[in-house]
């Protein structure tokens, strides 16, 4: 039924996996999750938490810029 009623949307040339983007995004999200968990436990000072929030912010910003650049290049 699926092959009969759903159109085939596969691209002729698929893009390769962006390993650097995967690492930037995964690292940023994992560290952000960790920092928010530590923030909820109040085991670090506010200054330390703000410092730790900078690392995932940089990682996720780098991922966003990389994604935007690849999106504009490949449209």
N, C-alpha and C. Protein backbone atom coordinates (compact mmCIF):
# COMPACT_ATOMS: atom_id res chain seq x y z
N UNK A 1 0.82 -1.19 0.00
CA UNK A 1 0.00 0.00 0.00
C UNK A 1 0.87 1.26 0.00
N UNK A 2 1.96 1.23 0.74
CA UNK A 2 2.81 2.41 0.82
C UNK A 2 3.41 2.73 -0.55
N UNK A 3 3.96 1.73 -1.21
CA UNK A 3 4.57 1.96 -2.51
C UNK A 3 3.53 2.41 -3.55
N UNK A 4 2.33 2.01 -3.34
CA UNK A 4 1.29 2.34 -4.31
C UNK A 4 0.75 3.77 -4.13
N UNK A 5 0.65 4.25 -2.86
CA UNK A 5 -0.04 5.51 -2.59
C UNK A 5 0.88 6.67 -2.21
N UNK A 6 2.11 6.40 -1.82
CA UNK A 6 3.00 7.49 -1.45
C UNK A 6 4.02 7.73 -2.56
N UNK A 7 4.25 9.01 -2.88
CA UNK A 7 5.22 9.29 -3.94
C UNK A 7 6.66 9.04 -3.45
N UNK A 8 7.54 8.81 -4.38
CA UNK A 8 8.95 8.58 -4.07
C UNK A 8 9.67 9.93 -4.05
N UNK A 9 10.07 10.37 -2.84
CA UNK A 9 10.69 11.68 -2.66
C UNK A 9 12.20 11.60 -2.51
N UNK A 10 12.80 10.50 -2.88
CA UNK A 10 14.26 10.39 -2.76
C UNK A 10 14.94 11.30 -3.76
N UNK A 11 16.06 11.88 -3.30
CA UNK A 11 16.84 12.74 -4.18
C UNK A 11 17.81 11.88 -4.98
N UNK A 12 18.15 12.35 -6.17
CA UNK A 12 19.11 11.61 -6.97
C UNK A 12 20.48 11.61 -6.32
N UNK A 13 20.89 12.77 -5.83
CA UNK A 13 22.20 12.90 -5.18
C UNK A 13 21.98 13.40 -3.76
N UNK A 14 22.09 12.51 -2.81
CA UNK A 14 21.90 12.91 -1.43
C UNK A 14 23.20 13.51 -0.89
N UNK A 15 23.06 14.38 0.10
CA UNK A 15 24.23 15.01 0.72
C UNK A 15 24.88 14.05 1.69
N UNK A 16 26.20 14.19 1.83
CA UNK A 16 26.92 13.37 2.80
C UNK A 16 26.66 13.89 4.20
N UNK A 17 26.84 13.02 5.18
CA UNK A 17 26.66 13.41 6.58
C UNK A 17 27.71 14.43 6.95
N UNK A 18 27.29 15.53 7.55
CA UNK A 18 28.20 16.58 8.02
C UNK A 18 28.69 16.18 9.40
N UNK A 19 29.83 15.51 9.45
CA UNK A 19 30.35 14.98 10.71
C UNK A 19 30.72 16.11 11.66
N UNK A 20 31.32 17.17 11.15
CA UNK A 20 31.69 18.30 12.02
C UNK A 20 30.44 18.94 12.61
N UNK A 21 29.41 19.12 11.80
CA UNK A 21 28.15 19.67 12.30
C UNK A 21 27.51 18.77 13.33
N UNK A 22 27.58 17.47 13.11
CA UNK A 22 27.04 16.51 14.07
C UNK A 22 27.77 16.61 15.40
N UNK A 23 29.09 16.71 15.35
CA UNK A 23 29.88 16.82 16.58
C UNK A 23 29.59 18.13 17.30
N UNK A 24 29.55 19.24 16.57
CA UNK A 24 29.26 20.54 17.19
C UNK A 24 27.89 20.54 17.86
N UNK A 25 26.89 20.04 17.15
CA UNK A 25 25.53 20.04 17.70
C UNK A 25 25.41 19.08 18.88
N UNK A 26 25.94 17.87 18.72
CA UNK A 26 25.85 16.89 19.80
C UNK A 26 26.56 17.35 21.06
N UNK A 27 27.78 17.88 20.89
CA UNK A 27 28.54 18.38 22.03
C UNK A 27 27.82 19.55 22.70
N UNK A 28 27.31 20.48 21.88
CA UNK A 28 26.62 21.65 22.44
C UNK A 28 25.37 21.27 23.21
N UNK A 29 24.56 20.38 22.67
CA UNK A 29 23.32 19.98 23.34
C UNK A 29 23.63 19.17 24.60
N UNK A 30 24.62 18.27 24.52
CA UNK A 30 24.96 17.45 25.69
C UNK A 30 25.49 18.32 26.82
N UNK A 31 26.37 19.26 26.51
CA UNK A 31 26.91 20.12 27.56
C UNK A 31 25.86 21.08 28.10
N UNK A 32 24.98 21.57 27.24
CA UNK A 32 23.89 22.42 27.71
C UNK A 32 22.98 21.65 28.66
N UNK A 33 22.68 20.42 28.35
CA UNK A 33 21.86 19.58 29.22
C UNK A 33 22.55 19.37 30.57
N UNK A 34 23.86 19.11 30.53
CA UNK A 34 24.62 18.92 31.77
C UNK A 34 24.62 20.19 32.62
N UNK A 35 24.86 21.33 32.00
CA UNK A 35 24.90 22.60 32.74
C UNK A 35 23.55 22.89 33.37
N UNK A 36 22.47 22.64 32.65
CA UNK A 36 21.15 22.88 33.22
C UNK A 36 20.85 21.93 34.38
N UNK A 37 21.37 20.70 34.29
CA UNK A 37 21.21 19.75 35.40
C UNK A 37 21.98 20.22 36.63
N UNK A 38 23.21 20.67 36.43
CA UNK A 38 24.03 21.16 37.54
C UNK A 38 23.40 22.42 38.13
N UNK A 39 22.85 23.28 37.27
CA UNK A 39 22.20 24.50 37.74
C UNK A 39 21.01 24.17 38.64
N UNK A 40 20.27 23.12 38.30
CA UNK A 40 19.13 22.71 39.11
C UNK A 40 19.54 22.17 40.47
N UNK A 41 20.74 21.61 40.57
CA UNK A 41 21.23 21.08 41.84
C UNK A 41 21.94 22.13 42.68
N UNK A 42 22.26 23.27 42.12
CA UNK A 42 22.94 24.37 42.82
C UNK A 42 24.28 23.95 43.41
N UNK A 43 25.03 23.13 42.68
CA UNK A 43 26.34 22.70 43.19
C UNK A 43 27.47 23.60 42.73
N UNK A 44 27.23 24.45 41.73
CA UNK A 44 28.25 25.37 41.26
C UNK A 44 27.78 26.80 41.48
N UNK A 45 28.74 27.72 41.53
CA UNK A 45 28.40 29.13 41.68
C UNK A 45 27.80 29.66 40.37
N UNK A 46 27.15 30.79 40.47
CA UNK A 46 26.55 31.39 39.29
C UNK A 46 27.58 31.76 38.24
N UNK A 47 28.74 32.21 38.70
CA UNK A 47 29.81 32.57 37.78
C UNK A 47 30.32 31.33 37.01
N UNK A 48 30.45 30.21 37.69
CA UNK A 48 30.91 28.98 37.04
C UNK A 48 29.88 28.48 36.04
N UNK A 49 28.61 28.58 36.38
CA UNK A 49 27.56 28.13 35.47
C UNK A 49 27.52 29.02 34.23
N UNK A 50 27.68 30.33 34.40
CA UNK A 50 27.71 31.22 33.25
C UNK A 50 28.91 30.91 32.36
N UNK A 51 30.04 30.59 32.98
CA UNK A 51 31.22 30.20 32.21
C UNK A 51 30.97 28.92 31.43
N UNK A 52 30.32 27.96 32.08
CA UNK A 52 30.02 26.70 31.41
C UNK A 52 28.95 26.87 30.32
N UNK A 53 28.08 27.83 30.48
CA UNK A 53 27.06 28.07 29.44
C UNK A 53 27.68 28.67 28.18
N UNK A 54 28.84 29.30 28.33
CA UNK A 54 29.50 29.89 27.18
C UNK A 54 29.97 28.84 26.18
N UNK A 55 30.42 27.70 26.67
CA UNK A 55 30.95 26.65 25.78
C UNK A 55 29.86 26.08 24.87
N UNK A 56 28.70 25.66 25.42
CA UNK A 56 27.66 25.18 24.50
C UNK A 56 27.10 26.29 23.61
N UNK A 57 27.10 27.53 24.11
CA UNK A 57 26.64 28.64 23.28
C UNK A 57 27.55 28.81 22.07
N UNK A 58 28.85 28.72 22.28
CA UNK A 58 29.80 28.84 21.17
C UNK A 58 29.64 27.66 20.22
N UNK A 59 29.52 26.46 20.77
CA UNK A 59 29.39 25.26 19.95
C UNK A 59 28.11 25.30 19.10
N UNK A 60 27.00 25.68 19.71
CA UNK A 60 25.73 25.73 18.96
C UNK A 60 25.71 26.89 17.96
N UNK A 61 26.36 27.99 18.30
CA UNK A 61 26.48 29.09 17.34
C UNK A 61 27.31 28.67 16.14
N UNK A 62 28.42 27.99 16.40
CA UNK A 62 29.27 27.50 15.31
C UNK A 62 28.48 26.52 14.43
N UNK A 63 27.69 25.66 15.06
CA UNK A 63 26.86 24.74 14.28
C UNK A 63 25.85 25.51 13.44
N UNK A 64 25.20 26.51 14.02
CA UNK A 64 24.21 27.30 13.29
C UNK A 64 24.82 28.02 12.09
N UNK A 65 26.00 28.59 12.28
CA UNK A 65 26.68 29.26 11.18
C UNK A 65 27.09 28.27 10.10
N UNK A 66 27.57 27.10 10.52
CA UNK A 66 27.96 26.07 9.55
C UNK A 66 26.75 25.59 8.75
N UNK A 67 25.64 25.39 9.45
CA UNK A 67 24.42 24.93 8.77
C UNK A 67 23.91 25.99 7.81
N UNK A 68 23.92 27.25 8.24
CA UNK A 68 23.44 28.32 7.37
C UNK A 68 24.31 28.44 6.13
N UNK A 69 25.62 28.29 6.30
CA UNK A 69 26.54 28.39 5.16
C UNK A 69 26.29 27.24 4.18
N UNK A 70 26.12 26.03 4.72
CA UNK A 70 25.89 24.89 3.82
C UNK A 70 24.52 24.97 3.17
N UNK A 71 23.55 25.53 3.88
CA UNK A 71 22.21 25.66 3.30
C UNK A 71 22.23 26.67 2.16
N UNK A 72 22.98 27.78 2.33
CA UNK A 72 23.05 28.78 1.27
C UNK A 72 23.84 28.28 0.07
N UNK A 73 24.85 27.46 0.32
CA UNK A 73 25.68 26.94 -0.78
C UNK A 73 24.93 25.90 -1.61
N UNK A 74 24.15 25.06 -0.93
CA UNK A 74 23.48 23.96 -1.63
C UNK A 74 22.02 24.25 -1.93
N UNK A 75 21.46 25.29 -1.27
CA UNK A 75 20.09 25.69 -1.53
C UNK A 75 19.17 24.61 -1.51
